[in-house]
Each structure stands twice: as C-alpha cells, then as structure tokens.
Amino acid sequence: MEFVADIPRWRQVAEVIRRRIEDGTYPPRTRIPSVVEITAEFGIAAVTAQKVHKGLRAEGLIYTEPGLGSFVAQKPAES
C-alpha cells in the first residue's frame, strides 16, 4: 500500500479495514486481523496498528474480546 503524506497512516489503514467490513470481506462477528497481522500486511509500526483498532472500536465497527481478538460488530437492524 502506498501512503498519502497528508493523512496519518493509521487513518489510511483503518479506511482499508472499514471498506473490507462494509463490502463483506469481514462479515459481522468474524475476527479481523490482529495488530501483528496489520503490522505485517501494511508495513506499519505496532503502535500505529493499535491506533487502527482503537479508531475502529471508537466508531463501533469492531469490539475486542480479551484473549480472543477483535471482531466485526453486528450491523444494526435495517428499519
């Protein structure tokens, strides 16, 4: 992945993961890549990958189960 200089790397990686969630690559209740896996895939530091998880959690897109990993949150019911 080629990064844009003006945008923090964690935001750019979070956008990739967000798109994967939205397009169904990572369906609800499935595990997303760990910090270590994100670090390896995108060539970023572990602290940057932790920010990716933190940002996605803050948006309500993922939740973390201690000792198990981070998972895609269930989508709200369509009205």
PDB file of N, CA and C in Angstrom:
ATOM      1  N   MET A   1       0.849  -1.180   0.000  1.00  0.00           N
ATOM      2  CA  MET A   1       0.000   0.000   0.000  1.00  0.00           C
ATOM      3  C   MET A   1       0.887   1.233   0.000  1.00  0.00           C
ATOM      4  N   GLU A   2       0.533   2.184  -0.844  1.00  0.00           N
ATOM      5  CA  GLU A   2       1.248   3.448  -0.871  1.00  0.00           C
ATOM      6  C   GLU A   2       0.472   4.464  -0.037  1.00  0.00           C
ATOM      7  N   PHE A   3       1.162   5.096   0.890  1.00  0.00           N
ATOM      8  CA  PHE A   3       0.513   6.023   1.805  1.00  0.00           C
ATOM      9  C   PHE A   3       0.543   7.451   1.280  1.00  0.00           C
ATOM     10  N   VAL A   4      -0.519   8.203   1.595  1.00  0.00           N
ATOM     11  CA  VAL A   4      -0.610   9.622   1.277  1.00  0.00           C
ATOM     12  C   VAL A   4       0.051  10.382   2.428  1.00  0.00           C
ATOM     13  N   ALA A   5       0.916  11.310   2.107  1.00  0.00           N
ATOM     14  CA  ALA A   5       1.703  12.008   3.126  1.00  0.00           C
ATOM     15  C   ALA A   5       0.865  12.835   4.099  1.00  0.00           C
ATOM     16  N   ASP A   6      -0.232  13.441   3.629  1.00  0.00           N
ATOM     17  CA  ASP A   6      -1.001  14.373   4.457  1.00  0.00           C
ATOM     18  C   ASP A   6      -1.924  13.704   5.470  1.00  0.00           C
ATOM     19  N   ILE A   7      -2.173  12.404   5.315  1.00  0.00           N
ATOM     20  CA  ILE A   7      -3.139  11.697   6.163  1.00  0.00           C
ATOM     21  C   ILE A   7      -2.388  10.706   7.043  1.00  0.00           C
ATOM     22  N   PRO A   8      -2.684  10.699   8.362  1.00  0.00           N
ATOM     23  CA  PRO A   8      -1.991   9.749   9.237  1.00  0.00           C
ATOM     24  C   PRO A   8      -2.152   8.318   8.726  1.00  0.00           C
ATOM     25  N   ARG A   9      -1.091   7.546   8.811  1.00  0.00           N
ATOM     26  CA  ARG A   9      -1.114   6.170   8.303  1.00  0.00           C
ATOM     27  C   ARG A   9      -2.190   5.328   8.961  1.00  0.00           C
ATOM     28  N   TRP A  10      -2.407   5.531  10.266  1.00  0.00           N
ATOM     29  CA  TRP A  10      -3.409   4.696  10.938  1.00  0.00           C
ATOM     30  C   TRP A  10      -4.791   4.950  10.351  1.00  0.00           C
ATOM     31  N   ARG A  11      -5.070   6.195   9.957  1.00  0.00           N
ATOM     32  CA  ARG A  11      -6.371   6.508   9.356  1.00  0.00           C
ATOM     33  C   ARG A  11      -6.512   5.841   7.981  1.00  0.00           C
ATOM     34  N   GLN A  12      -5.435   5.824   7.227  1.00  0.00           N
ATOM     35  CA  GLN A  12      -5.476   5.202   5.904  1.00  0.00           C
ATOM     36  C   GLN A  12      -5.690   3.691   6.011  1.00  0.00           C
ATOM     37  N   VAL A  13      -5.022   3.056   6.958  1.00  0.00           N
ATOM     38  CA  VAL A  13      -5.193   1.616   7.156  1.00  0.00           C
ATOM     39  C   VAL A  13      -6.591   1.335   7.709  1.00  0.00           C
ATOM     40  N   ALA A  14      -7.054   2.163   8.633  1.00  0.00           N
ATOM     41  CA  ALA A  14      -8.407   1.985   9.172  1.00  0.00           C
ATOM     42  C   ALA A  14      -9.442   2.073   8.056  1.00  0.00           C
ATOM     43  N   GLU A  15      -9.225   2.938   7.086  1.00  0.00           N
ATOM     44  CA  GLU A  15     -10.145   3.060   5.954  1.00  0.00           C
ATOM     45  C   GLU A  15     -10.173   1.773   5.126  1.00  0.00           C
ATOM     46  N   VAL A  16      -9.037   1.147   4.948  1.00  0.00           N
ATOM     47  CA  VAL A  16      -8.982  -0.128   4.218  1.00  0.00           C
ATOM     48  C   VAL A  16      -9.778  -1.192   4.972  1.00  0.00           C
ATOM     49  N   ILE A  17      -9.565  -1.285   6.279  1.00  0.00           N
ATOM     50  CA  ILE A  17     -10.292  -2.273   7.093  1.00  0.00           C
ATOM     51  C   ILE A  17     -11.787  -1.946   7.085  1.00  0.00           C
ATOM     52  N   ARG A  18     -12.136  -0.667   7.203  1.00  0.00           N
ATOM     53  CA  ARG A  18     -13.538  -0.239   7.174  1.00  0.00           C
ATOM     54  C   ARG A  18     -14.199  -0.681   5.862  1.00  0.00           C
ATOM     55  N   ARG A  19     -13.513  -0.478   4.738  1.00  0.00           N
ATOM     56  CA  ARG A  19     -14.062  -0.894   3.440  1.00  0.00           C
ATOM     57  C   ARG A  19     -14.252  -2.405   3.390  1.00  0.00           C
ATOM     58  N   ARG A  20     -13.324  -3.145   3.966  1.00  0.00           N
ATOM     59  CA  ARG A  20     -13.443  -4.602   3.994  1.00  0.00           C
ATOM     60  C   ARG A  20     -14.645  -5.041   4.833  1.00  0.00           C
ATOM     61  N   ILE A  21     -14.915  -4.308   5.892  1.00  0.00           N
ATOM     62  CA  ILE A  21     -16.098  -4.605   6.712  1.00  0.00           C
ATOM     63  C   ILE A  21     -17.360  -4.290   5.905  1.00  0.00           C
ATOM     64  N   GLU A  22     -17.377  -3.132   5.278  1.00  0.00           N
ATOM     65  CA  GLU A  22     -18.556  -2.701   4.526  1.00  0.00           C
ATOM     66  C   GLU A  22     -18.843  -3.589   3.319  1.00  0.00           C
ATOM     67  N   ASP A  23     -17.797  -4.092   2.655  1.00  0.00           N
ATOM     68  CA  ASP A  23     -18.033  -4.918   1.463  1.00  0.00           C
ATOM     69  C   ASP A  23     -18.219  -6.401   1.791  1.00  0.00           C
ATOM     70  N   GLY A  24     -18.173  -6.738   3.083  1.00  0.00           N
ATOM     71  CA  GLY A  24     -18.433  -8.120   3.485  1.00  0.00           C
ATOM     72  C   GLY A  24     -17.219  -9.020   3.507  1.00  0.00           C
ATOM     73  N   THR A  25     -16.040  -8.485   3.200  1.00  0.00           N
ATOM     74  CA  THR A  25     -14.822  -9.288   3.308  1.00  0.00           C
ATOM     75  C   THR A  25     -14.679  -9.800   4.742  1.00  0.00           C
ATOM     76  N   TYR A  26     -15.003  -8.923   5.694  1.00  0.00           N
ATOM     77  CA  TYR A  26     -15.053  -9.299   7.114  1.00  0.00           C
ATOM     78  C   TYR A  26     -16.509  -9.177   7.559  1.00  0.00           C
ATOM     79  N   PRO A  27     -17.277 -10.266   7.531  1.00  0.00           N
ATOM     80  CA  PRO A  27     -18.682 -10.210   7.933  1.00  0.00           C
ATOM     81  C   PRO A  27     -18.838  -9.991   9.443  1.00  0.00           C
ATOM     82  N   PRO A  28     -20.040  -9.617   9.878  1.00  0.00           N
ATOM     83  CA  PRO A  28     -20.288  -9.439  11.313  1.00  0.00           C
ATOM     84  C   PRO A  28     -19.893 -10.678  12.117  1.00  0.00           C
ATOM     85  N   ARG A  29     -19.335 -10.422  13.275  1.00  0.00           N
ATOM     86  CA  ARG A  29     -18.922 -11.429  14.256  1.00  0.00           C
ATOM     87  C   ARG A  29     -17.720 -12.262  13.821  1.00  0.00           C
ATOM     88  N   THR A  30     -17.016 -11.838  12.758  1.00  0.00           N
ATOM     89  CA  THR A  30     -15.793 -12.539  12.379  1.00  0.00           C
ATOM     90  C   THR A  30     -14.592 -11.744  12.854  1.00  0.00           C
ATOM     91  N   ARG A  31     -13.503 -12.457  13.096  1.00  0.00           N
ATOM     92  CA  ARG A  31     -12.291 -11.834  13.598  1.00  0.00           C
ATOM     93  C   ARG A  31     -11.616 -11.024  12.491  1.00  0.00           C
ATOM     94  N   ILE A  32     -11.172  -9.837  12.855  1.00  0.00           N
ATOM     95  CA  ILE A  32     -10.390  -9.031  11.921  1.00  0.00           C
ATOM     96  C   ILE A  32      -8.915  -9.285  12.213  1.00  0.00           C
ATOM     97  N   PRO A  33      -8.022  -8.869  11.316  1.00  0.00           N
ATOM     98  CA  PRO A  33      -6.598  -9.086  11.559  1.00  0.00           C
ATOM     99  C   PRO A  33      -6.139  -8.450  12.876  1.00  0.00           C
ATOM    100  N   SER A  34      -5.239  -9.157  13.527  1.00  0.00           N
ATOM    101  CA  SER A  34      -4.667  -8.676  14.790  1.00  0.00           C
ATOM    102  C   SER A  34      -3.700  -7.527  14.519  1.00  0.00           C
ATOM    103  N   VAL A  35      -3.246  -6.908  15.596  1.00  0.00           N
ATOM    104  CA  VAL A  35      -2.252  -5.840  15.486  1.00  0.00           C
ATOM    105  C   VAL A  35      -1.013  -6.375  14.767  1.00  0.00           C
ATOM    106  N   VAL A  36      -0.571  -7.564  15.117  1.00  0.00           N
ATOM    107  CA  VAL A  36       0.613  -8.156  14.488  1.00  0.00           C
ATOM    108  C   VAL A  36       0.370  -8.382  12.995  1.00  0.00           C
ATOM    109  N   GLU A  37      -0.814  -8.879  12.643  1.00  0.00           N
ATOM    110  CA  GLU A  37      -1.138  -9.125  11.232  1.00  0.00           C
ATOM    111  C   GLU A  37      -1.234  -7.825  10.435  1.00  0.00           C
ATOM    112  N   ILE A  38      -1.824  -6.796  11.038  1.00  0.00           N
ATOM    113  CA  ILE A  38      -1.918  -5.491  10.368  1.00  0.00           C
ATOM    114  C   ILE A  38      -0.525  -4.901  10.181  1.00  0.00           C
ATOM    115  N   THR A  39       0.316  -5.045  11.202  1.00  0.00           N
ATOM    116  CA  THR A  39       1.696  -4.556  11.115  1.00  0.00           C
ATOM    117  C   THR A  39       2.417  -5.199   9.935  1.00  0.00           C
ATOM    118  N   ALA A  40       2.264  -6.516   9.791  1.00  0.00           N
ATOM    119  CA  ALA A  40       2.926  -7.235   8.702  1.00  0.00           C
ATOM    120  C   ALA A  40       2.328  -6.886   7.341  1.00  0.00           C
ATOM    121  N   GLU A  41       1.010  -6.833   7.244  1.00  0.00           N
ATOM    122  CA  GLU A  41       0.364  -6.581   5.954  1.00  0.00           C
ATOM    123  C   GLU A  41       0.665  -5.193   5.409  1.00  0.00           C
ATOM    124  N   PHE A  42       0.638  -4.181   6.280  1.00  0.00           N
ATOM    125  CA  PHE A  42       0.765  -2.804   5.814  1.00  0.00           C
ATOM    126  C   PHE A  42       2.145  -2.190   6.046  1.00  0.00           C
ATOM    127  N   GLY A  43       3.032  -2.923   6.714  1.00  0.00           N
ATOM    128  CA  GLY A  43       4.375  -2.403   6.950  1.00  0.00           C
ATOM    129  C   GLY A  43       4.397  -1.194   7.860  1.00  0.00           C
ATOM    130  N   ILE A  44       3.543  -1.220   8.900  1.00  0.00           N
ATOM    131  CA  ILE A  44       3.472  -0.106   9.847  1.00  0.00           C
ATOM    132  C   ILE A  44       3.914  -0.590  11.227  1.00  0.00           C
ATOM    133  N   ALA A  45       4.175   0.337  12.110  1.00  0.00           N
ATOM    134  CA  ALA A  45       4.581   0.009  13.471  1.00  0.00           C
ATOM    135  C   ALA A  45       3.399  -0.531  14.273  1.00  0.00           C
ATOM    136  N   ALA A  46       3.709  -1.320  15.292  1.00  0.00           N
ATOM    137  CA  ALA A  46       2.662  -1.900  16.137  1.00  0.00           C
ATOM    138  C   ALA A  46       1.810  -0.818  16.798  1.00  0.00           C
ATOM    139  N   VAL A  47       2.426   0.267  17.235  1.00  0.00           N
ATOM    140  CA  VAL A  47       1.660   1.345  17.869  1.00  0.00           C
ATOM    141  C   VAL A  47       0.678   1.961  16.873  1.00  0.00           C
ATOM    142  N   THR A  48       1.055   2.019  15.607  1.00  0.00           N
ATOM    143  CA  THR A  48       0.161   2.537  14.572  1.00  0.00           C
ATOM    144  C   THR A  48      -0.994   1.567  14.344  1.00  0.00           C
ATOM    145  N   ALA A  49      -0.703   0.274  14.319  1.00  0.00           N
ATOM    146  CA  ALA A  49      -1.748  -0.743  14.155  1.00  0.00           C
ATOM    147  C   ALA A  49      -2.711  -0.733  15.348  1.00  0.00           C
ATOM    148  N   GLN A  50      -2.187  -0.457  16.545  1.00  0.00           N
ATOM    149  CA  GLN A  50      -3.052  -0.351  17.724  1.00  0.00           C
ATOM    150  C   GLN A  50      -4.019   0.819  17.565  1.00  0.00           C
ATOM    151  N   LYS A  51      -3.557   1.919  16.968  1.00  0.00           N
ATOM    152  CA  LYS A  51      -4.430   3.064  16.722  1.00  0.00           C
ATOM    153  C   LYS A  51      -5.539   2.698  15.730  1.00  0.00           C
ATOM    154  N   VAL A  52      -5.231   1.830  14.768  1.00  0.00           N
ATOM    155  CA  VAL A  52      -6.246   1.366  13.807  1.00  0.00           C
ATOM    156  C   VAL A  52      -7.368   0.685  14.579  1.00  0.00           C
ATOM    157  N   HIS A  53      -7.010  -0.268  15.446  1.00  0.00           N
ATOM    158  CA  HIS A  53      -8.018  -0.977  16.235  1.00  0.00           C
ATOM    159  C   HIS A  53      -8.793  -0.007  17.128  1.00  0.00           C
ATOM    160  N   LYS A  54      -8.072   0.894  17.781  1.00  0.00           N
ATOM    161  CA  LYS A  54      -8.719   1.851  18.680  1.00  0.00           C
ATOM    162  C   LYS A  54      -9.721   2.727  17.923  1.00  0.00           C
ATOM    163  N   GLY A  55      -9.337   3.198  16.747  1.00  0.00           N
ATOM    164  CA  GLY A  55     -10.223   4.031  15.948  1.00  0.00           C
ATOM    165  C   GLY A  55     -11.466   3.288  15.480  1.00  0.00           C
ATOM    166  N   LEU A  56     -11.296   2.040  15.041  1.00  0.00           N
ATOM    167  CA  LEU A  56     -12.439   1.243  14.586  1.00  0.00           C
ATOM    168  C   LEU A  56     -13.373   0.908  15.750  1.00  0.00           C
ATOM    169  N   ARG A  57     -12.789   0.676  16.940  1.00  0.00           N
ATOM    170  CA  ARG A  57     -13.619   0.442  18.137  1.00  0.00           C
ATOM    171  C   ARG A  57     -14.417   1.691  18.480  1.00  0.00           C
ATOM    172  N   ALA A  58     -13.772   2.855  18.408  1.00  0.00           N
ATOM    173  CA  ALA A  58     -14.444   4.117  18.728  1.00  0.00           C
ATOM    174  C   ALA A  58     -15.611   4.380  17.775  1.00  0.00           C
ATOM    175  N   GLU A  59     -15.500   3.909  16.540  1.00  0.00           N
ATOM    176  CA  GLU A  59     -16.587   4.068  15.561  1.00  0.00           C
ATOM    177  C   GLU A  59     -17.687   3.024  15.759  1.00  0.00           C
ATOM    178  N   GLY A  60     -17.434   2.043  16.618  1.00  0.00           N
ATOM    179  CA  GLY A  60     -18.420   0.991  16.835  1.00  0.00           C
ATOM    180  C   GLY A  60     -18.402  -0.083  15.765  1.00  0.00           C
ATOM    181  N   LEU A  61     -17.356  -0.106  14.944  1.00  0.00           N
ATOM    182  CA  LEU A  61     -17.278  -1.105  13.876  1.00  0.00           C
ATOM    183  C   LEU A  61     -16.742  -2.444  14.364  1.00  0.00           C
ATOM    184  N   ILE A  62     -15.939  -2.417  15.424  1.00  0.00           N
ATOM    185  CA  ILE A  62     -15.389  -3.654  15.961  1.00  0.00           C
ATOM    186  C   ILE A  62     -15.505  -3.653  17.480  1.00  0.00           C
ATOM    187  N   TYR A  63     -15.379  -4.835  18.060  1.00  0.00           N
ATOM    188  CA  TYR A  63     -15.282  -4.974  19.507  1.00  0.00           C
ATOM    189  C   TYR A  63     -14.173  -5.982  19.782  1.00  0.00           C
ATOM    190  N   THR A  64     -13.611  -5.910  20.976  1.00  0.00           N
ATOM    191  CA  THR A  64     -12.498  -6.783  21.331  1.00  0.00           C
ATOM    192  C   THR A  64     -12.893  -7.686  22.482  1.00  0.00           C
ATOM    193  N   GLU A  65     -12.597  -8.969  22.321  1.00  0.00           N
ATOM    194  CA  GLU A  65     -12.776  -9.964  23.378  1.00  0.00           C
ATOM    195  C   GLU A  65     -11.383 -10.291  23.899  1.00  0.00           C
ATOM    196  N   PRO A  66     -11.069  -9.910  25.141  1.00  0.00           N
ATOM    197  CA  PRO A  66      -9.727 -10.174  25.672  1.00  0.00           C
ATOM    198  C   PRO A  66      -9.342 -11.648  25.519  1.00  0.00           C
ATOM    199  N   GLY A  67      -8.153 -11.854  24.983  1.00  0.00           N
ATOM    200  CA  GLY A  67      -7.631 -13.198  24.784  1.00  0.00           C
ATOM    201  C   GLY A  67      -8.120 -13.874  23.508  1.00  0.00           C
ATOM    202  N   LEU A  68      -9.099 -13.282  22.823  1.00  0.00           N
ATOM    203  CA  LEU A  68      -9.646 -13.894  21.603  1.00  0.00           C
ATOM    204  C   LEU A  68      -9.376 -13.072  20.351  1.00  0.00           C
ATOM    205  N   GLY A  69      -9.362 -11.757  20.484  1.00  0.00           N
ATOM    206  CA  GLY A  69      -9.124 -10.902  19.333  1.00  0.00           C
ATOM    207  C   GLY A  69     -10.197  -9.859  19.162  1.00  0.00           C
ATOM    208  N   SER A  70     -10.162  -9.206  18.008  1.00  0.00           N
ATOM    209  CA  SER A  70     -11.142  -8.166  17.679  1.00  0.00           C
ATOM    210  C   SER A  70     -12.048  -8.686  16.569  1.00  0.00           C
ATOM    211  N   PHE A  71     -13.332  -8.356  16.696  1.00  0.00           N
ATOM    212  CA  PHE A  71     -14.351  -8.892  15.805  1.00  0.00           C
ATOM    213  C   PHE A  71     -15.216  -7.787  15.236  1.00  0.00           C
ATOM    214  N   VAL A  72     -15.785  -8.040  14.075  1.00  0.00           N
ATOM    215  CA  VAL A  72     -16.687  -7.072  13.447  1.00  0.00           C
ATOM    216  C   VAL A  72     -17.982  -7.031  14.253  1.00  0.00           C
ATOM    217  N   ALA A  73     -18.411  -5.834  14.575  1.00  0.00           N
ATOM    218  CA  ALA A  73     -19.665  -5.661  15.324  1.00  0.00           C
ATOM    219  C   ALA A  73     -20.851  -6.027  14.438  1.00  0.00           C
ATOM    220  N   GLN A  74     -21.916  -6.484  15.070  1.00  0.00           N
ATOM    221  CA  GLN A  74     -23.155  -6.795  14.352  1.00  0.00           C
ATOM    222  C   GLN A  74     -23.743  -5.500  13.810  1.00  0.00           C
ATOM    223  N   LYS A  75     -24.158  -5.513  12.568  1.00  0.00           N
ATOM    224  CA  LYS A  75     -24.765  -4.315  11.984  1.00  0.00           C
ATOM    225  C   LYS A  75     -26.122  -4.081  12.644  1.00  0.00           C
ATOM    226  N   PRO A  76     -26.490  -2.815  12.858  1.00  0.00           N
ATOM    227  CA  PRO A  76     -27.809  -2.536  13.404  1.00  0.00           C
ATOM    228  C   PRO A  76     -28.893  -2.999  12.431  1.00  0.00           C
ATOM    229  N   ALA A  77     -30.033  -3.396  12.963  1.00  0.00           N
ATOM    230  CA  ALA A  77     -31.147  -3.859  12.124  1.00  0.00           C
ATOM    231  C   ALA A  77     -31.619  -2.733  11.218  1.00  0.00           C
ATOM    232  N   GLU A  78     -31.877  -3.070   9.968  1.00  0.00           N
ATOM    233  CA  GLU A  78     -32.389  -2.085   8.999  1.00  0.00           C
ATOM    234  C   GLU A  78     -33.844  -1.785   9.330  1.00  0.00           C
ATOM    235  N   SER A  79     -34.252  -0.528   9.288  1.00  0.00           N
ATOM    236  CA  SER A  79     -35.654  -0.200   9.573  1.00  0.00           C
ATOM    237  C   SER A  79     -36.418   0.038   8.303  1.00  0.00           C
TER     238      SER A  79
END
